[in-house]
Amino acid sequence: MKTFEHKVKASEGIHARPAGLLAKLVKEMNASVIISKGGKSADAGKLLSLMNLGVRKDDIITVTISNGEDTVYEKIKNFMDENF
C-alpha cells in the first residue's frame, strides 16, 4: 500500500471534469485508489463519491493506493499534479 498527500492547487478544487478523468483512469488501471479528506473517504473510481468529498482549493487530500502500487502510484501522482 502506498500513500501520499496532495495539496489541491486548482481554483475550482476537484470538480466534475477532472474528477471524471481520474475515475476513468483508475478504472482503466483496475486499481484500488481511495482519496480522503477531513475524515471522509471516496473511491477514486467513482465520480459521485469524489464529488461528495467537496474538495476545494488549498485542501490537503490523502491518496491511498492498494493495488498495483508502483505503476499506479506514478500515474495517479502525475495526474494529480497536472489536474488538481
PDB file of N, CA and C in Angstrom:
ATOM      1  N   MET A   1       0.851  -1.172   0.000  1.00  0.00           N
ATOM      2  CA  MET A   1       0.000   0.000   0.000  1.00  0.00           C
ATOM      3  C   MET A   1       0.898   1.236   0.000  1.00  0.00           C
ATOM      4  N   LYS A   2       0.569   2.188  -0.871  1.00  0.00           N
ATOM      5  CA  LYS A   2       1.294   3.458  -0.928  1.00  0.00           C
ATOM      6  C   LYS A   2       0.318   4.584  -0.638  1.00  0.00           C
ATOM      7  N   THR A   3       0.819   5.585   0.062  1.00  0.00           N
ATOM      8  CA  THR A   3       0.006   6.735   0.426  1.00  0.00           C
ATOM      9  C   THR A   3       0.808   8.010   0.177  1.00  0.00           C
ATOM     10  N   PHE A   4       0.125   9.031  -0.307  1.00  0.00           N
ATOM     11  CA  PHE A   4       0.768  10.338  -0.412  1.00  0.00           C
ATOM     12  C   PHE A   4      -0.271  11.420  -0.186  1.00  0.00           C
ATOM     13  N   GLU A   5       0.209  12.593   0.196  1.00  0.00           N
ATOM     14  CA  GLU A   5      -0.675  13.741   0.378  1.00  0.00           C
ATOM     15  C   GLU A   5      -0.500  14.678  -0.801  1.00  0.00           C
ATOM     16  N   HIS A   6      -1.587  15.370  -1.137  1.00  0.00           N
ATOM     17  CA  HIS A   6      -1.569  16.302  -2.261  1.00  0.00           C
ATOM     18  C   HIS A   6      -2.350  17.553  -1.874  1.00  0.00           C
ATOM     19  N   LYS A   7      -1.729  18.710  -2.071  1.00  0.00           N
ATOM     20  CA  LYS A   7      -2.427  19.981  -1.838  1.00  0.00           C
ATOM     21  C   LYS A   7      -3.064  20.399  -3.155  1.00  0.00           C
ATOM     22  N   VAL A   8      -4.365  20.593  -3.135  1.00  0.00           N
ATOM     23  CA  VAL A   8      -5.121  20.923  -4.340  1.00  0.00           C
ATOM     24  C   VAL A   8      -4.831  22.373  -4.734  1.00  0.00           C
ATOM     25  N   LYS A   9      -4.328  22.548  -5.956  1.00  0.00           N
ATOM     26  CA  LYS A   9      -3.951  23.876  -6.447  1.00  0.00           C
ATOM     27  C   LYS A   9      -4.996  24.468  -7.393  1.00  0.00           C
ATOM     28  N   ALA A  10      -5.840  23.641  -7.970  1.00  0.00           N
ATOM     29  CA  ALA A  10      -6.841  24.110  -8.931  1.00  0.00           C
ATOM     30  C   ALA A  10      -7.832  25.041  -8.234  1.00  0.00           C
ATOM     31  N   SER A  11      -8.115  26.187  -8.852  1.00  0.00           N
ATOM     32  CA  SER A  11      -9.008  27.166  -8.235  1.00  0.00           C
ATOM     33  C   SER A  11     -10.413  26.620  -8.004  1.00  0.00           C
ATOM     34  N   GLU A  12     -10.822  25.622  -8.811  1.00  0.00           N
ATOM     35  CA  GLU A  12     -12.145  25.015  -8.667  1.00  0.00           C
ATOM     36  C   GLU A  12     -12.139  23.833  -7.706  1.00  0.00           C
ATOM     37  N   GLY A  13     -10.980  23.459  -7.187  1.00  0.00           N
ATOM     38  CA  GLY A  13     -10.885  22.254  -6.356  1.00  0.00           C
ATOM     39  C   GLY A  13     -11.038  21.026  -7.234  1.00  0.00           C
ATOM     40  N   ILE A  14     -11.615  19.980  -6.708  1.00  0.00           N
ATOM     41  CA  ILE A  14     -11.885  18.794  -7.515  1.00  0.00           C
ATOM     42  C   ILE A  14     -13.313  18.948  -8.040  1.00  0.00           C
ATOM     43  N   HIS A  15     -13.418  19.237  -9.327  1.00  0.00           N
ATOM     44  CA  HIS A  15     -14.736  19.420  -9.939  1.00  0.00           C
ATOM     45  C   HIS A  15     -14.976  18.333 -10.983  1.00  0.00           C
ATOM     46  N   ALA A  16     -16.104  18.370 -11.629  1.00  0.00           N
ATOM     47  CA  ALA A  16     -16.600  17.257 -12.441  1.00  0.00           C
ATOM     48  C   ALA A  16     -15.654  16.774 -13.541  1.00  0.00           C
ATOM     49  N   ARG A  17     -15.116  17.675 -14.347  1.00  0.00           N
ATOM     50  CA  ARG A  17     -14.302  17.231 -15.483  1.00  0.00           C
ATOM     51  C   ARG A  17     -13.063  16.457 -15.047  1.00  0.00           C
ATOM     52  N   PRO A  18     -12.184  17.037 -14.204  1.00  0.00           N
ATOM     53  CA  PRO A  18     -11.010  16.263 -13.815  1.00  0.00           C
ATOM     54  C   PRO A  18     -11.350  15.062 -12.923  1.00  0.00           C
ATOM     55  N   ALA A  19     -12.398  15.175 -12.134  1.00  0.00           N
ATOM     56  CA  ALA A  19     -12.804  14.033 -11.309  1.00  0.00           C
ATOM     57  C   ALA A  19     -13.249  12.876 -12.199  1.00  0.00           C
ATOM     58  N   GLY A  20     -13.952  13.184 -13.274  1.00  0.00           N
ATOM     59  CA  GLY A  20     -14.368  12.157 -14.225  1.00  0.00           C
ATOM     60  C   GLY A  20     -13.179  11.512 -14.914  1.00  0.00           C
ATOM     61  N   LEU A  21     -12.183  12.329 -15.269  1.00  0.00           N
ATOM     62  CA  LEU A  21     -10.970  11.789 -15.889  1.00  0.00           C
ATOM     63  C   LEU A  21     -10.200  10.896 -14.921  1.00  0.00           C
ATOM     64  N   LEU A  22     -10.150  11.300 -13.654  1.00  0.00           N
ATOM     65  CA  LEU A  22      -9.481  10.484 -12.651  1.00  0.00           C
ATOM     66  C   LEU A  22     -10.205   9.157 -12.471  1.00  0.00           C
ATOM     67  N   ALA A  23     -11.523   9.193 -12.379  1.00  0.00           N
ATOM     68  CA  ALA A  23     -12.303   7.961 -12.217  1.00  0.00           C
ATOM     69  C   ALA A  23     -12.064   7.019 -13.391  1.00  0.00           C
ATOM     70  N   LYS A  24     -12.017   7.571 -14.581  1.00  0.00           N
ATOM     71  CA  LYS A  24     -11.765   6.759 -15.780  1.00  0.00           C
ATOM     72  C   LYS A  24     -10.368   6.138 -15.733  1.00  0.00           C
ATOM     73  N   LEU A  25      -9.378   6.928 -15.342  1.00  0.00           N
ATOM     74  CA  LEU A  25      -8.001   6.437 -15.240  1.00  0.00           C
ATOM     75  C   LEU A  25      -7.894   5.291 -14.238  1.00  0.00           C
ATOM     76  N   VAL A  26      -8.519   5.462 -13.081  1.00  0.00           N
ATOM     77  CA  VAL A  26      -8.479   4.435 -12.032  1.00  0.00           C
ATOM     78  C   VAL A  26      -9.128   3.143 -12.531  1.00  0.00           C
ATOM     79  N   LYS A  27     -10.266   3.270 -13.204  1.00  0.00           N
ATOM     80  CA  LYS A  27     -10.953   2.086 -13.727  1.00  0.00           C
ATOM     81  C   LYS A  27     -10.120   1.387 -14.789  1.00  0.00           C
ATOM     82  N   GLU A  28      -9.480   2.161 -15.674  1.00  0.00           N
ATOM     83  CA  GLU A  28      -8.653   1.571 -16.730  1.00  0.00           C
ATOM     84  C   GLU A  28      -7.475   0.783 -16.164  1.00  0.00           C
ATOM     85  N   MET A  29      -6.938   1.246 -15.033  1.00  0.00           N
ATOM     86  CA  MET A  29      -5.788   0.581 -14.421  1.00  0.00           C
ATOM     87  C   MET A  29      -6.213  -0.563 -13.508  1.00  0.00           C
ATOM     88  N   ASN A  30      -7.520  -0.727 -13.329  1.00  0.00           N
ATOM     89  CA  ASN A  30      -8.033  -1.748 -12.434  1.00  0.00           C
ATOM     90  C   ASN A  30      -7.366  -1.630 -11.060  1.00  0.00           C
ATOM     91  N   ALA A  31      -7.333  -0.397 -10.560  1.00  0.00           N
ATOM     92  CA  ALA A  31      -6.632  -0.101  -9.318  1.00  0.00           C
ATOM     93  C   ALA A  31      -7.612   0.174  -8.180  1.00  0.00           C
ATOM     94  N   SER A  32      -7.089   0.097  -6.975  1.00  0.00           N
ATOM     95  CA  SER A  32      -7.851   0.479  -5.798  1.00  0.00           C
ATOM     96  C   SER A  32      -7.229   1.765  -5.258  1.00  0.00           C
ATOM     97  N   VAL A  33      -7.922   2.894  -5.475  1.00  0.00           N
ATOM     98  CA  VAL A  33      -7.415   4.200  -5.072  1.00  0.00           C
ATOM     99  C   VAL A  33      -8.483   4.883  -4.222  1.00  0.00           C
ATOM    100  N   ILE A  34      -8.100   5.261  -3.020  1.00  0.00           N
ATOM    101  CA  ILE A  34      -9.010   5.931  -2.092  1.00  0.00           C
ATOM    102  C   ILE A  34      -8.477   7.331  -1.821  1.00  0.00           C
ATOM    103  N   ILE A  35      -9.362   8.324  -1.915  1.00  0.00           N
ATOM    104  CA  ILE A  35      -8.997   9.704  -1.594  1.00  0.00           C
ATOM    105  C   ILE A  35      -9.735  10.089  -0.318  1.00  0.00           C
ATOM    106  N   SER A  36      -8.979  10.651   0.633  1.00  0.00           N
ATOM    107  CA  SER A  36      -9.555  11.028   1.928  1.00  0.00           C
ATOM    108  C   SER A  36      -9.330  12.501   2.207  1.00  0.00           C
ATOM    109  N   LYS A  37     -10.326  13.094   2.865  1.00  0.00           N
ATOM    110  CA  LYS A  37     -10.232  14.487   3.282  1.00  0.00           C
ATOM    111  C   LYS A  37     -11.159  14.707   4.464  1.00  0.00           C
ATOM    112  N   GLY A  38     -10.625  15.233   5.532  1.00  0.00           N
ATOM    113  CA  GLY A  38     -11.444  15.596   6.678  1.00  0.00           C
ATOM    114  C   GLY A  38     -12.268  14.467   7.257  1.00  0.00           C
ATOM    115  N   GLY A  39     -11.703  13.267   7.320  1.00  0.00           N
ATOM    116  CA  GLY A  39     -12.409  12.135   7.895  1.00  0.00           C
ATOM    117  C   GLY A  39     -13.348  11.423   6.941  1.00  0.00           C
ATOM    118  N   LYS A  40     -13.498  11.937   5.721  1.00  0.00           N
ATOM    119  CA  LYS A  40     -14.333  11.275   4.711  1.00  0.00           C
ATOM    120  C   LYS A  40     -13.427  10.651   3.660  1.00  0.00           C
ATOM    121  N   SER A  41     -13.883   9.542   3.095  1.00  0.00           N
ATOM    122  CA  SER A  41     -13.115   8.851   2.062  1.00  0.00           C
ATOM    123  C   SER A  41     -14.000   8.572   0.861  1.00  0.00           C
ATOM    124  N   ALA A  42     -13.333   8.479  -0.307  1.00  0.00           N
ATOM    125  CA  ALA A  42     -14.063   8.189  -1.540  1.00  0.00           C
ATOM    126  C   ALA A  42     -13.235   7.272  -2.423  1.00  0.00           C
ATOM    127  N   ASP A  43     -13.919   6.373  -3.103  1.00  0.00           N
ATOM    128  CA  ASP A  43     -13.304   5.531  -4.115  1.00  0.00           C
ATOM    129  C   ASP A  43     -13.047   6.420  -5.330  1.00  0.00           C
ATOM    130  N   ALA A  44     -11.776   6.558  -5.721  1.00  0.00           N
ATOM    131  CA  ALA A  44     -11.426   7.449  -6.826  1.00  0.00           C
ATOM    132  C   ALA A  44     -11.960   6.963  -8.164  1.00  0.00           C
ATOM    133  N   GLY A  45     -12.445   5.741  -8.221  1.00  0.00           N
ATOM    134  CA  GLY A  45     -13.025   5.216  -9.449  1.00  0.00           C
ATOM    135  C   GLY A  45     -14.497   5.554  -9.611  1.00  0.00           C
ATOM    136  N   LYS A  46     -15.052   6.292  -8.650  1.00  0.00           N
ATOM    137  CA  LYS A  46     -16.475   6.637  -8.683  1.00  0.00           C
ATOM    138  C   LYS A  46     -16.637   8.159  -8.622  1.00  0.00           C
ATOM    139  N   LEU A  47     -17.085   8.711  -9.725  1.00  0.00           N
ATOM    140  CA  LEU A  47     -17.208  10.166  -9.874  1.00  0.00           C
ATOM    141  C   LEU A  47     -18.026  10.805  -8.754  1.00  0.00           C
ATOM    142  N   LEU A  48     -19.195  10.276  -8.470  1.00  0.00           N
ATOM    143  CA  LEU A  48     -20.052  10.895  -7.453  1.00  0.00           C
ATOM    144  C   LEU A  48     -19.426  10.857  -6.066  1.00  0.00           C
ATOM    145  N   SER A  49     -18.696   9.794  -5.769  1.00  0.00           N
ATOM    146  CA  SER A  49     -18.007   9.712  -4.476  1.00  0.00           C
ATOM    147  C   SER A  49     -16.965  10.817  -4.362  1.00  0.00           C
ATOM    148  N   LEU A  50     -16.233  11.037  -5.447  1.00  0.00           N
ATOM    149  CA  LEU A  50     -15.225  12.101  -5.444  1.00  0.00           C
ATOM    150  C   LEU A  50     -15.870  13.466  -5.255  1.00  0.00           C
ATOM    151  N   MET A  51     -16.951  13.705  -5.959  1.00  0.00           N
ATOM    152  CA  MET A  51     -17.628  14.998  -5.881  1.00  0.00           C
ATOM    153  C   MET A  51     -18.192  15.261  -4.474  1.00  0.00           C
ATOM    154  N   ASN A  52     -18.616  14.205  -3.794  1.00  0.00           N
ATOM    155  CA  ASN A  52     -19.192  14.344  -2.455  1.00  0.00           C
ATOM    156  C   ASN A  52     -18.164  14.716  -1.391  1.00  0.00           C
ATOM    157  N   LEU A  53     -16.875  14.592  -1.707  1.00  0.00           N
ATOM    158  CA  LEU A  53     -15.852  14.995  -0.741  1.00  0.00           C
ATOM    159  C   LEU A  53     -15.802  16.516  -0.575  1.00  0.00           C
ATOM    160  N   GLY A  54     -16.237  17.250  -1.585  1.00  0.00           N
ATOM    161  CA  GLY A  54     -16.244  18.715  -1.502  1.00  0.00           C
ATOM    162  C   GLY A  54     -14.849  19.311  -1.382  1.00  0.00           C
ATOM    163  N   VAL A  55     -13.916  18.798  -2.145  1.00  0.00           N
ATOM    164  CA  VAL A  55     -12.527  19.268  -2.074  1.00  0.00           C
ATOM    165  C   VAL A  55     -12.404  20.614  -2.778  1.00  0.00           C
ATOM    166  N   ARG A  56     -11.809  21.578  -2.063  1.00  0.00           N
ATOM    167  CA  ARG A  56     -11.641  22.934  -2.584  1.00  0.00           C
ATOM    168  C   ARG A  56     -10.152  23.261  -2.706  1.00  0.00           C
ATOM    169  N   LYS A  57      -9.884  24.391  -3.331  1.00  0.00           N
ATOM    170  CA  LYS A  57      -8.504  24.843  -3.472  1.00  0.00           C
ATOM    171  C   LYS A  57      -7.833  24.926  -2.103  1.00  0.00           C
ATOM    172  N   ASP A  58      -6.585  24.511  -2.054  1.00  0.00           N
ATOM    173  CA  ASP A  58      -5.726  24.521  -0.859  1.00  0.00           C
ATOM    174  C   ASP A  58      -6.067  23.436   0.160  1.00  0.00           C
ATOM    175  N   ASP A  59      -7.073  22.609  -0.104  1.00  0.00           N
ATOM    176  CA  ASP A  59      -7.328  21.453   0.763  1.00  0.00           C
ATOM    177  C   ASP A  59      -6.203  20.438   0.559  1.00  0.00           C
ATOM    178  N   ILE A  60      -5.886  19.718   1.603  1.00  0.00           N
ATOM    179  CA  ILE A  60      -4.902  18.648   1.504  1.00  0.00           C
ATOM    180  C   ILE A  60      -5.652  17.325   1.554  1.00  0.00           C
ATOM    181  N   ILE A  61      -5.440  16.520   0.512  1.00  0.00           N
ATOM    182  CA  ILE A  61      -6.098  15.220   0.440  1.00  0.00           C
ATOM    183  C   ILE A  61      -5.044  14.131   0.596  1.00  0.00           C
ATOM    184  N   THR A  62      -5.481  12.978   1.061  1.00  0.00           N
ATOM    185  CA  THR A  62      -4.613  11.819   1.181  1.00  0.00           C
ATOM    186  C   THR A  62      -5.060  10.794   0.157  1.00  0.00           C
ATOM    187  N   VAL A  63      -4.103  10.308  -0.618  1.00  0.00           N
ATOM    188  CA  VAL A  63      -4.375   9.319  -1.657  1.00  0.00           C
ATOM    189  C   VAL A  63      -3.742   8.003  -1.238  1.00  0.00           C
ATOM    190  N   THR A  64      -4.551   6.941  -1.181  1.00  0.00           N
ATOM    191  CA  THR A  64      -4.073   5.618  -0.793  1.00  0.00           C
ATOM    192  C   THR A  64      -4.284   4.648  -1.941  1.00  0.00           C
ATOM    193  N   ILE A  65      -3.206   3.999  -2.347  1.00  0.00           N
ATOM    194  CA  ILE A  65      -3.244   3.048  -3.464  1.00  0.00           C
ATOM    195  C   ILE A  65      -2.904   1.676  -2.902  1.00  0.00           C
ATOM    196  N   SER A  66      -3.784   0.707  -3.152  1.00  0.00           N
ATOM    197  CA  SER A  66      -3.544  -0.606  -2.571  1.00  0.00           C
ATOM    198  C   SER A  66      -3.594  -1.751  -3.577  1.00  0.00           C
ATOM    199  N   ASN A  67      -3.496  -1.423  -4.863  1.00  0.00           N
ATOM    200  CA  ASN A  67      -3.496  -2.475  -5.873  1.00  0.00           C
ATOM    201  C   ASN A  67      -2.629  -1.995  -7.035  1.00  0.00           C
ATOM    202  N   GLY A  68      -1.542  -2.705  -7.332  1.00  0.00           N
ATOM    203  CA  GLY A  68      -0.641  -2.288  -8.402  1.00  0.00           C
ATOM    204  C   GLY A  68       0.097  -1.018  -8.050  1.00  0.00           C
ATOM    205  N   GLU A  69       0.559  -0.945  -6.812  1.00  0.00           N
ATOM    206  CA  GLU A  69       1.081   0.293  -6.244  1.00  0.00           C
ATOM    207  C   GLU A  69       2.097   1.050  -7.094  1.00  0.00           C
ATOM    208  N   ASP A  70       3.114   0.369  -7.597  1.00  0.00           N
ATOM    209  CA  ASP A  70       4.215   1.081  -8.244  1.00  0.00           C
ATOM    210  C   ASP A  70       3.806   1.810  -9.517  1.00  0.00           C
ATOM    211  N   THR A  71       3.199   1.124 -10.456  1.00  0.00           N
ATOM    212  CA  THR A  71       2.823   1.779 -11.708  1.00  0.00           C
ATOM    213  C   THR A  71       1.651   2.729 -11.502  1.00  0.00           C
ATOM    214  N   VAL A  72       0.712   2.346 -10.683  1.00  0.00           N
ATOM    215  CA  VAL A  72      -0.453   3.191 -10.422  1.00  0.00           C
ATOM    216  C   VAL A  72      -0.031   4.461  -9.691  1.00  0.00           C
ATOM    217  N   TYR A  73       0.867   4.346  -8.734  1.00  0.00           N
ATOM    218  CA  TYR A  73       1.333   5.495  -7.951  1.00  0.00           C
ATOM    219  C   TYR A  73       1.836   6.608  -8.864  1.00  0.00           C
ATOM    220  N   GLU A  74       2.725   6.278  -9.783  1.00  0.00           N
ATOM    221  CA  GLU A  74       3.302   7.293 -10.670  1.00  0.00           C
ATOM    222  C   GLU A  74       2.231   7.949 -11.535  1.00  0.00           C
ATOM    223  N   LYS A  75       1.339   7.159 -12.095  1.00  0.00           N
ATOM    224  CA  LYS A  75       0.297   7.715 -12.961  1.00  0.00           C
ATOM    225  C   LYS A  75      -0.668   8.612 -12.190  1.00  0.00           C
ATOM    226  N   ILE A  76      -1.074   8.166 -11.011  1.00  0.00           N
ATOM    227  CA  ILE A  76      -2.014   8.956 -10.201  1.00  0.00           C
ATOM    228  C   ILE A  76      -1.339  10.233  -9.706  1.00  0.00           C
ATOM    229  N   LYS A  77      -0.115  10.117  -9.238  1.00  0.00           N
ATOM    230  CA  LYS A  77       0.628  11.295  -8.744  1.00  0.00           C
ATOM    231  C   LYS A  77       0.777  12.329  -9.865  1.00  0.00           C
ATOM    232  N   ASN A  78       1.184  11.879 -11.050  1.00  0.00           N
ATOM    233  CA  ASN A  78       1.315  12.797 -12.179  1.00  0.00           C
ATOM    234  C   ASN A  78      -0.023  13.433 -12.552  1.00  0.00           C
ATOM    235  N   PHE A  79      -1.086  12.635 -12.548  1.00  0.00           N
ATOM    236  CA  PHE A  79      -2.418  13.147 -12.867  1.00  0.00           C
ATOM    237  C   PHE A  79      -2.808  14.237 -11.859  1.00  0.00           C
ATOM    238  N   MET A  80      -2.581  13.975 -10.583  1.00  0.00           N
ATOM    239  CA  MET A  80      -2.938  14.950  -9.538  1.00  0.00           C
ATOM    240  C   MET A  80      -2.161  16.242  -9.738  1.00  0.00           C
ATOM    241  N   ASP A  81      -0.858  16.131  -9.993  1.00  0.00           N
ATOM    242  CA  ASP A  81      -0.027  17.316 -10.179  1.00  0.00           C
ATOM    243  C   ASP A  81      -0.480  18.153 -11.375  1.00  0.00           C
ATOM    244  N   GLU A  82      -0.945  17.509 -12.434  1.00  0.00           N
ATOM    245  CA  GLU A  82      -1.344  18.228 -13.637  1.00  0.00           C
ATOM    246  C   GLU A  82      -2.782  18.766 -13.588  1.00  0.00           C
ATOM    247  N   ASN A  83      -3.669  18.104 -12.845  1.00  0.00           N
ATOM    248  CA  ASN A  83      -5.098  18.444 -12.896  1.00  0.00           C
ATOM    249  C   ASN A  83      -5.708  18.993 -11.617  1.00  0.00           C
ATOM    250  N   PHE A  84      -5.103  18.730 -10.499  1.00  0.00           N
ATOM    251  CA  PHE A  84      -5.687  19.188  -9.231  1.00  0.00           C
ATOM    252  C   PHE A  84      -4.724  20.135  -8.544  1.00  0.00           C
TER     253      PHE A  84
END
